[in-house]
Amino acid sequence: MLHTFPDAREIVTAVCEFLRDEVMPSTEGALSFHARVAANLLDVLGRELEQSPEGEARLAEWLGRLDVADEHELALRVRSGELGPDDPDLVAALWTTTDDRLLVANPAYLDDDVADDPRAAVTR
């Protein structure tokens, strides 16, 4: 990135704070609601900016271990039965990718009880 200040994360944070601290308290109804939605989306964008490189690298590593080119090919191989729940690399890849995506979408979905091992929350 050519610019060093403010970076994308700082811009997202500043706009989010403006919406939460200035717009939401001074409005009501639909405008306040839309400001809250915008602030929440900016939170997601900020987490995406922070997590994306590491998450993409982990996904690429798992795809390489599974010898698939991309998520589309992975889905096709799972759908065909070539890869399934008995493949530990597939299961680990799916959990890792799910965790990474939840950390971006809404980290609260990974509650404290299962933060160390999200698989503990799944009933089989």
N, C-alpha and C. Protein backbone atom coordinates (compact mmCIF):
# COMPACT_ATOMS: atom_id res chain seq x y z
N MET A 1 0.84 -1.17 0.00
CA MET A 1 0.00 0.00 0.00
C MET A 1 0.89 1.24 0.00
N LEU A 2 0.55 2.19 -0.82
CA LEU A 2 1.37 3.39 -0.96
C LEU A 2 1.23 4.34 0.22
N HIS A 3 0.07 4.41 0.79
CA HIS A 3 -0.17 5.35 1.88
C HIS A 3 0.04 4.66 3.22
N THR A 4 0.61 5.38 4.16
CA THR A 4 0.84 4.78 5.47
C THR A 4 -0.12 5.31 6.52
N PHE A 5 -0.73 6.46 6.30
CA PHE A 5 -1.64 6.99 7.30
C PHE A 5 -2.71 7.82 6.66
N PRO A 6 -3.96 7.68 7.00
CA PRO A 6 -4.49 6.54 7.75
C PRO A 6 -4.61 5.32 6.86
N ASP A 7 -4.45 4.16 7.46
CA ASP A 7 -4.62 2.94 6.68
C ASP A 7 -6.10 2.57 6.63
N ALA A 8 -6.42 1.54 5.89
CA ALA A 8 -7.81 1.16 5.68
C ALA A 8 -8.51 0.84 6.99
N ARG A 9 -7.83 0.15 7.89
CA ARG A 9 -8.45 -0.22 9.18
C ARG A 9 -8.75 1.03 9.99
N GLU A 10 -7.87 2.00 9.99
CA GLU A 10 -8.11 3.24 10.74
C GLU A 10 -9.28 4.03 10.15
N ILE A 11 -9.42 4.02 8.84
CA ILE A 11 -10.54 4.70 8.20
C ILE A 11 -11.85 4.01 8.58
N VAL A 12 -11.88 2.71 8.51
CA VAL A 12 -13.08 1.96 8.89
C VAL A 12 -13.45 2.25 10.34
N THR A 13 -12.47 2.24 11.22
CA THR A 13 -12.72 2.50 12.64
C THR A 13 -13.27 3.91 12.85
N ALA A 14 -12.70 4.89 12.18
CA ALA A 14 -13.16 6.28 12.34
C ALA A 14 -14.60 6.45 11.87
N VAL A 15 -14.94 5.88 10.74
CA VAL A 15 -16.32 6.00 10.24
C VAL A 15 -17.28 5.27 11.15
N CYS A 16 -16.89 4.10 11.63
CA CYS A 16 -17.72 3.32 12.54
C CYS A 16 -17.97 4.10 13.83
N GLU A 17 -16.93 4.69 14.39
CA GLU A 17 -17.08 5.50 15.61
C GLU A 17 -17.99 6.69 15.36
N PHE A 18 -17.87 7.34 14.21
CA PHE A 18 -18.74 8.47 13.87
C PHE A 18 -20.20 8.02 13.85
N LEU A 19 -20.46 6.90 13.21
CA LEU A 19 -21.84 6.40 13.14
C LEU A 19 -22.38 6.08 14.52
N ARG A 20 -21.58 5.40 15.34
CA ARG A 20 -22.05 5.00 16.67
C ARG A 20 -22.11 6.17 17.66
N ASP A 21 -21.14 7.07 17.60
CA ASP A 21 -21.06 8.14 18.59
C ASP A 21 -21.83 9.39 18.21
N GLU A 22 -21.99 9.65 16.92
CA GLU A 22 -22.63 10.89 16.48
C GLU A 22 -23.98 10.66 15.82
N VAL A 23 -24.03 9.76 14.85
CA VAL A 23 -25.26 9.60 14.07
C VAL A 23 -26.34 8.86 14.86
N MET A 24 -26.01 7.70 15.40
CA MET A 24 -27.03 6.89 16.08
C MET A 24 -27.67 7.62 17.26
N PRO A 25 -26.90 8.26 18.15
CA PRO A 25 -27.54 8.93 19.29
C PRO A 25 -28.41 10.13 18.89
N SER A 26 -28.12 10.74 17.77
CA SER A 26 -28.84 11.96 17.39
C SER A 26 -29.96 11.70 16.38
N THR A 27 -30.22 10.43 16.07
CA THR A 27 -31.29 10.10 15.14
C THR A 27 -32.18 9.04 15.77
N GLU A 28 -33.28 8.78 15.11
CA GLU A 28 -34.17 7.73 15.58
C GLU A 28 -34.81 7.05 14.38
N GLY A 29 -35.52 6.00 14.65
CA GLY A 29 -36.23 5.30 13.59
C GLY A 29 -35.31 4.67 12.56
N ALA A 30 -35.75 4.78 11.32
CA ALA A 30 -35.05 4.11 10.22
C ALA A 30 -33.62 4.60 10.06
N LEU A 31 -33.39 5.91 10.22
CA LEU A 31 -32.04 6.44 10.05
C LEU A 31 -31.09 5.88 11.11
N SER A 32 -31.53 5.82 12.35
CA SER A 32 -30.71 5.25 13.41
C SER A 32 -30.44 3.76 13.13
N PHE A 33 -31.47 3.05 12.69
CA PHE A 33 -31.32 1.63 12.37
C PHE A 33 -30.30 1.44 11.24
N HIS A 34 -30.42 2.23 10.19
CA HIS A 34 -29.49 2.10 9.06
C HIS A 34 -28.07 2.48 9.46
N ALA A 35 -27.92 3.44 10.36
CA ALA A 35 -26.59 3.78 10.86
C ALA A 35 -26.00 2.61 11.64
N ARG A 36 -26.84 1.93 12.42
CA ARG A 36 -26.37 0.75 13.17
C ARG A 36 -25.96 -0.37 12.22
N VAL A 37 -26.76 -0.60 11.18
CA VAL A 37 -26.43 -1.62 10.18
C VAL A 37 -25.11 -1.27 9.50
N ALA A 38 -24.94 -0.01 9.13
CA ALA A 38 -23.70 0.42 8.48
C ALA A 38 -22.51 0.23 9.40
N ALA A 39 -22.67 0.58 10.68
CA ALA A 39 -21.57 0.40 11.64
C ALA A 39 -21.23 -1.07 11.81
N ASN A 40 -22.24 -1.92 11.86
CA ASN A 40 -21.99 -3.36 11.98
C ASN A 40 -21.28 -3.90 10.75
N LEU A 41 -21.66 -3.43 9.57
CA LEU A 41 -20.98 -3.86 8.35
C LEU A 41 -19.53 -3.37 8.33
N LEU A 42 -19.31 -2.17 8.84
CA LEU A 42 -17.93 -1.69 8.92
C LEU A 42 -17.11 -2.51 9.91
N ASP A 43 -17.75 -2.97 10.98
CA ASP A 43 -17.05 -3.88 11.91
C ASP A 43 -16.61 -5.15 11.18
N VAL A 44 -17.51 -5.70 10.36
CA VAL A 44 -17.17 -6.91 9.59
C VAL A 44 -16.02 -6.61 8.63
N LEU A 45 -16.10 -5.47 7.95
CA LEU A 45 -15.03 -5.09 7.03
C LEU A 45 -13.71 -4.94 7.76
N GLY A 46 -13.73 -4.32 8.93
CA GLY A 46 -12.50 -4.17 9.72
C GLY A 46 -11.90 -5.50 10.10
N ARG A 47 -12.76 -6.44 10.52
CA ARG A 47 -12.25 -7.77 10.87
C ARG A 47 -11.72 -8.48 9.63
N GLU A 48 -12.37 -8.27 8.50
CA GLU A 48 -11.90 -8.85 7.24
C GLU A 48 -10.51 -8.33 6.91
N LEU A 49 -10.32 -7.04 7.08
CA LEU A 49 -9.01 -6.44 6.79
C LEU A 49 -7.93 -7.02 7.71
N GLU A 50 -8.29 -7.31 8.95
CA GLU A 50 -7.32 -7.87 9.90
C GLU A 50 -7.06 -9.35 9.66
N GLN A 51 -8.10 -10.12 9.37
CA GLN A 51 -8.00 -11.58 9.31
C GLN A 51 -7.70 -12.14 7.93
N SER A 52 -8.05 -11.42 6.89
CA SER A 52 -8.03 -11.97 5.54
C SER A 52 -6.71 -12.61 5.13
N PRO A 53 -5.57 -11.95 5.28
CA PRO A 53 -4.33 -12.59 4.79
C PRO A 53 -4.04 -13.92 5.47
N GLU A 54 -4.21 -13.97 6.78
CA GLU A 54 -3.92 -15.22 7.50
C GLU A 54 -4.93 -16.30 7.14
N GLY A 55 -6.21 -15.92 7.08
CA GLY A 55 -7.24 -16.89 6.73
C GLY A 55 -7.06 -17.44 5.33
N GLU A 56 -6.74 -16.56 4.40
CA GLU A 56 -6.52 -17.01 3.02
C GLU A 56 -5.32 -17.94 2.95
N ALA A 57 -4.28 -17.65 3.71
CA ALA A 57 -3.09 -18.50 3.71
C ALA A 57 -3.42 -19.88 4.29
N ARG A 58 -4.21 -19.90 5.38
CA ARG A 58 -4.59 -21.20 5.96
C ARG A 58 -5.45 -21.99 4.98
N LEU A 59 -6.39 -21.32 4.33
CA LEU A 59 -7.24 -22.01 3.36
C LEU A 59 -6.39 -22.58 2.21
N ALA A 60 -5.47 -21.78 1.70
CA ALA A 60 -4.60 -22.25 0.61
C ALA A 60 -3.78 -23.46 1.05
N GLU A 61 -3.30 -23.42 2.30
CA GLU A 61 -2.52 -24.55 2.81
C GLU A 61 -3.37 -25.82 2.85
N TRP A 62 -4.60 -25.70 3.36
CA TRP A 62 -5.47 -26.88 3.43
C TRP A 62 -5.84 -27.38 2.04
N LEU A 63 -6.13 -26.47 1.13
CA LEU A 63 -6.46 -26.90 -0.23
C LEU A 63 -5.29 -27.65 -0.85
N GLY A 64 -4.07 -27.18 -0.56
CA GLY A 64 -2.89 -27.88 -1.05
C GLY A 64 -2.75 -29.27 -0.45
N ARG A 65 -3.01 -29.39 0.85
CA ARG A 65 -2.94 -30.71 1.50
C ARG A 65 -3.97 -31.67 0.92
N LEU A 66 -5.12 -31.12 0.54
CA LEU A 66 -6.19 -31.96 -0.03
C LEU A 66 -6.02 -32.15 -1.53
N ASP A 67 -5.02 -31.51 -2.11
CA ASP A 67 -4.72 -31.61 -3.54
C ASP A 67 -5.90 -31.15 -4.39
N VAL A 68 -6.47 -29.98 -4.01
CA VAL A 68 -7.53 -29.37 -4.80
C VAL A 68 -7.11 -27.94 -5.14
N ALA A 69 -7.60 -27.44 -6.25
CA ALA A 69 -7.18 -26.13 -6.75
C ALA A 69 -7.89 -24.98 -6.02
N ASP A 70 -9.17 -25.17 -5.71
CA ASP A 70 -9.92 -24.09 -5.12
C ASP A 70 -11.14 -24.65 -4.38
N GLU A 71 -11.93 -23.76 -3.79
CA GLU A 71 -13.10 -24.21 -3.02
C GLU A 71 -14.14 -24.88 -3.91
N HIS A 72 -14.26 -24.45 -5.14
CA HIS A 72 -15.21 -25.07 -6.05
C HIS A 72 -14.86 -26.54 -6.29
N GLU A 73 -13.58 -26.79 -6.57
CA GLU A 73 -13.16 -28.18 -6.77
C GLU A 73 -13.35 -29.00 -5.49
N LEU A 74 -13.06 -28.38 -4.34
CA LEU A 74 -13.26 -29.07 -3.07
C LEU A 74 -14.74 -29.47 -2.92
N ALA A 75 -15.64 -28.55 -3.21
CA ALA A 75 -17.07 -28.85 -3.10
C ALA A 75 -17.47 -29.98 -4.04
N LEU A 76 -16.94 -29.96 -5.24
CA LEU A 76 -17.26 -31.02 -6.21
C LEU A 76 -16.76 -32.38 -5.71
N ARG A 77 -15.58 -32.40 -5.13
CA ARG A 77 -15.02 -33.67 -4.65
C ARG A 77 -15.77 -34.18 -3.42
N VAL A 78 -16.24 -33.26 -2.57
CA VAL A 78 -17.05 -33.68 -1.42
C VAL A 78 -18.39 -34.21 -1.93
N ARG A 79 -19.00 -33.47 -2.85
CA ARG A 79 -20.30 -33.85 -3.39
C ARG A 79 -20.24 -35.22 -4.07
N SER A 80 -19.12 -35.50 -4.74
CA SER A 80 -18.99 -36.78 -5.44
C SER A 80 -18.69 -37.93 -4.48
N GLY A 81 -18.32 -37.61 -3.25
CA GLY A 81 -17.98 -38.66 -2.29
C GLY A 81 -16.50 -38.99 -2.26
N GLU A 82 -15.73 -38.35 -3.13
CA GLU A 82 -14.28 -38.60 -3.17
C GLU A 82 -13.63 -38.19 -1.85
N LEU A 83 -14.11 -37.09 -1.28
CA LEU A 83 -13.67 -36.65 0.05
C LEU A 83 -14.88 -36.68 0.97
N GLY A 84 -14.66 -37.11 2.19
CA GLY A 84 -15.79 -37.20 3.10
C GLY A 84 -15.39 -37.00 4.55
N PRO A 85 -16.33 -37.21 5.45
CA PRO A 85 -16.09 -36.95 6.87
C PRO A 85 -15.06 -37.86 7.52
N ASP A 86 -14.65 -38.93 6.82
CA ASP A 86 -13.62 -39.80 7.36
C ASP A 86 -12.21 -39.32 7.02
N ASP A 87 -12.12 -38.24 6.26
CA ASP A 87 -10.83 -37.67 5.89
C ASP A 87 -10.45 -36.60 6.91
N PRO A 88 -9.46 -36.86 7.77
CA PRO A 88 -9.12 -35.90 8.82
C PRO A 88 -8.64 -34.55 8.29
N ASP A 89 -7.97 -34.55 7.15
CA ASP A 89 -7.54 -33.28 6.56
C ASP A 89 -8.73 -32.45 6.11
N LEU A 90 -9.74 -33.10 5.54
CA LEU A 90 -10.93 -32.37 5.12
C LEU A 90 -11.64 -31.79 6.33
N VAL A 91 -11.83 -32.58 7.36
CA VAL A 91 -12.53 -32.10 8.55
C VAL A 91 -11.77 -30.93 9.18
N ALA A 92 -10.46 -31.07 9.30
CA ALA A 92 -9.66 -29.98 9.87
C ALA A 92 -9.73 -28.73 9.00
N ALA A 93 -9.70 -28.91 7.69
CA ALA A 93 -9.79 -27.76 6.78
C ALA A 93 -11.12 -27.06 6.93
N LEU A 94 -12.20 -27.81 7.01
CA LEU A 94 -13.52 -27.20 7.14
C LEU A 94 -13.67 -26.47 8.47
N TRP A 95 -13.16 -27.05 9.55
CA TRP A 95 -13.25 -26.37 10.85
C TRP A 95 -12.40 -25.11 10.86
N THR A 96 -11.20 -25.18 10.32
CA THR A 96 -10.32 -24.01 10.29
C THR A 96 -10.94 -22.89 9.48
N THR A 97 -11.46 -23.23 8.31
CA THR A 97 -12.09 -22.23 7.45
C THR A 97 -13.34 -21.65 8.10
N THR A 98 -14.13 -22.50 8.74
CA THR A 98 -15.33 -22.02 9.43
C THR A 98 -14.95 -21.07 10.55
N ASP A 99 -13.97 -21.44 11.34
CA ASP A 99 -13.51 -20.57 12.42
C ASP A 99 -13.05 -19.22 11.88
N ASP A 100 -12.24 -19.25 10.83
CA ASP A 100 -11.73 -18.00 10.24
C ASP A 100 -12.88 -17.13 9.76
N ARG A 101 -13.87 -17.73 9.13
CA ARG A 101 -14.99 -16.94 8.60
C ARG A 101 -15.88 -16.41 9.73
N LEU A 102 -16.05 -17.19 10.78
CA LEU A 102 -16.83 -16.69 11.92
C LEU A 102 -16.11 -15.55 12.64
N LEU A 103 -14.79 -15.62 12.70
CA LEU A 103 -14.03 -14.53 13.32
C LEU A 103 -14.25 -13.22 12.58
N VAL A 104 -14.53 -13.30 11.28
CA VAL A 104 -14.81 -12.10 10.49
C VAL A 104 -16.28 -11.73 10.60
N ALA A 105 -17.17 -12.68 10.37
CA ALA A 105 -18.60 -12.38 10.32
C ALA A 105 -19.14 -11.93 11.67
N ASN A 106 -18.84 -12.70 12.71
CA ASN A 106 -19.31 -12.35 14.06
C ASN A 106 -18.58 -13.23 15.07
N PRO A 107 -17.52 -12.71 15.68
CA PRO A 107 -16.74 -13.51 16.62
C PRO A 107 -17.55 -14.02 17.81
N ALA A 108 -18.67 -13.38 18.10
CA ALA A 108 -19.50 -13.82 19.22
C ALA A 108 -20.07 -15.22 18.98
N TYR A 109 -20.13 -15.64 17.71
CA TYR A 109 -20.60 -16.99 17.43
C TYR A 109 -19.66 -18.04 18.00
N LEU A 110 -18.40 -17.66 18.21
CA LEU A 110 -17.44 -18.56 18.83
C LEU A 110 -17.38 -18.20 20.31
N ASP A 111 -18.38 -18.64 21.07
CA ASP A 111 -18.47 -18.22 22.47
C ASP A 111 -17.33 -18.78 23.31
N ASP A 112 -17.19 -18.26 24.51
CA ASP A 112 -16.07 -18.61 25.38
C ASP A 112 -15.99 -20.10 25.67
N ASP A 113 -17.13 -20.77 25.76
CA ASP A 113 -17.11 -22.19 26.10
C ASP A 113 -16.47 -23.06 25.03
N VAL A 114 -16.50 -22.60 23.80
CA VAL A 114 -15.97 -23.42 22.72
C VAL A 114 -14.84 -22.73 21.98
N ALA A 115 -14.32 -21.63 22.52
CA ALA A 115 -13.28 -20.88 21.81
C ALA A 115 -12.04 -21.73 21.58
N ASP A 116 -11.70 -22.59 22.53
CA ASP A 116 -10.50 -23.41 22.36
C ASP A 116 -10.73 -24.57 21.39
N ASP A 117 -11.96 -25.08 21.35
CA ASP A 117 -12.27 -26.20 20.46
C ASP A 117 -13.72 -26.09 20.02
N PRO A 118 -13.98 -25.37 18.91
CA PRO A 118 -15.36 -25.18 18.45
C PRO A 118 -16.09 -26.49 18.16
N ARG A 119 -15.34 -27.54 17.90
CA ARG A 119 -15.99 -28.81 17.61
C ARG A 119 -16.77 -29.32 18.81
N ALA A 120 -16.42 -28.84 20.02
CA ALA A 120 -17.11 -29.27 21.22
C ALA A 120 -18.57 -28.82 21.22
N ALA A 121 -18.90 -27.79 20.47
CA ALA A 121 -20.26 -27.28 20.43
C ALA A 121 -21.15 -28.08 19.47
N VAL A 122 -20.56 -28.91 18.66
CA VAL A 122 -21.33 -29.65 17.67
C VAL A 122 -21.76 -30.98 18.26
N THR A 123 -23.05 -31.22 18.19
CA THR A 123 -23.54 -32.54 18.63
C THR A 123 -23.62 -33.45 17.43
N ARG A 124 -23.05 -34.59 17.60
CA ARG A 124 -23.03 -35.54 16.48
C ARG A 124 -23.93 -36.70 16.80
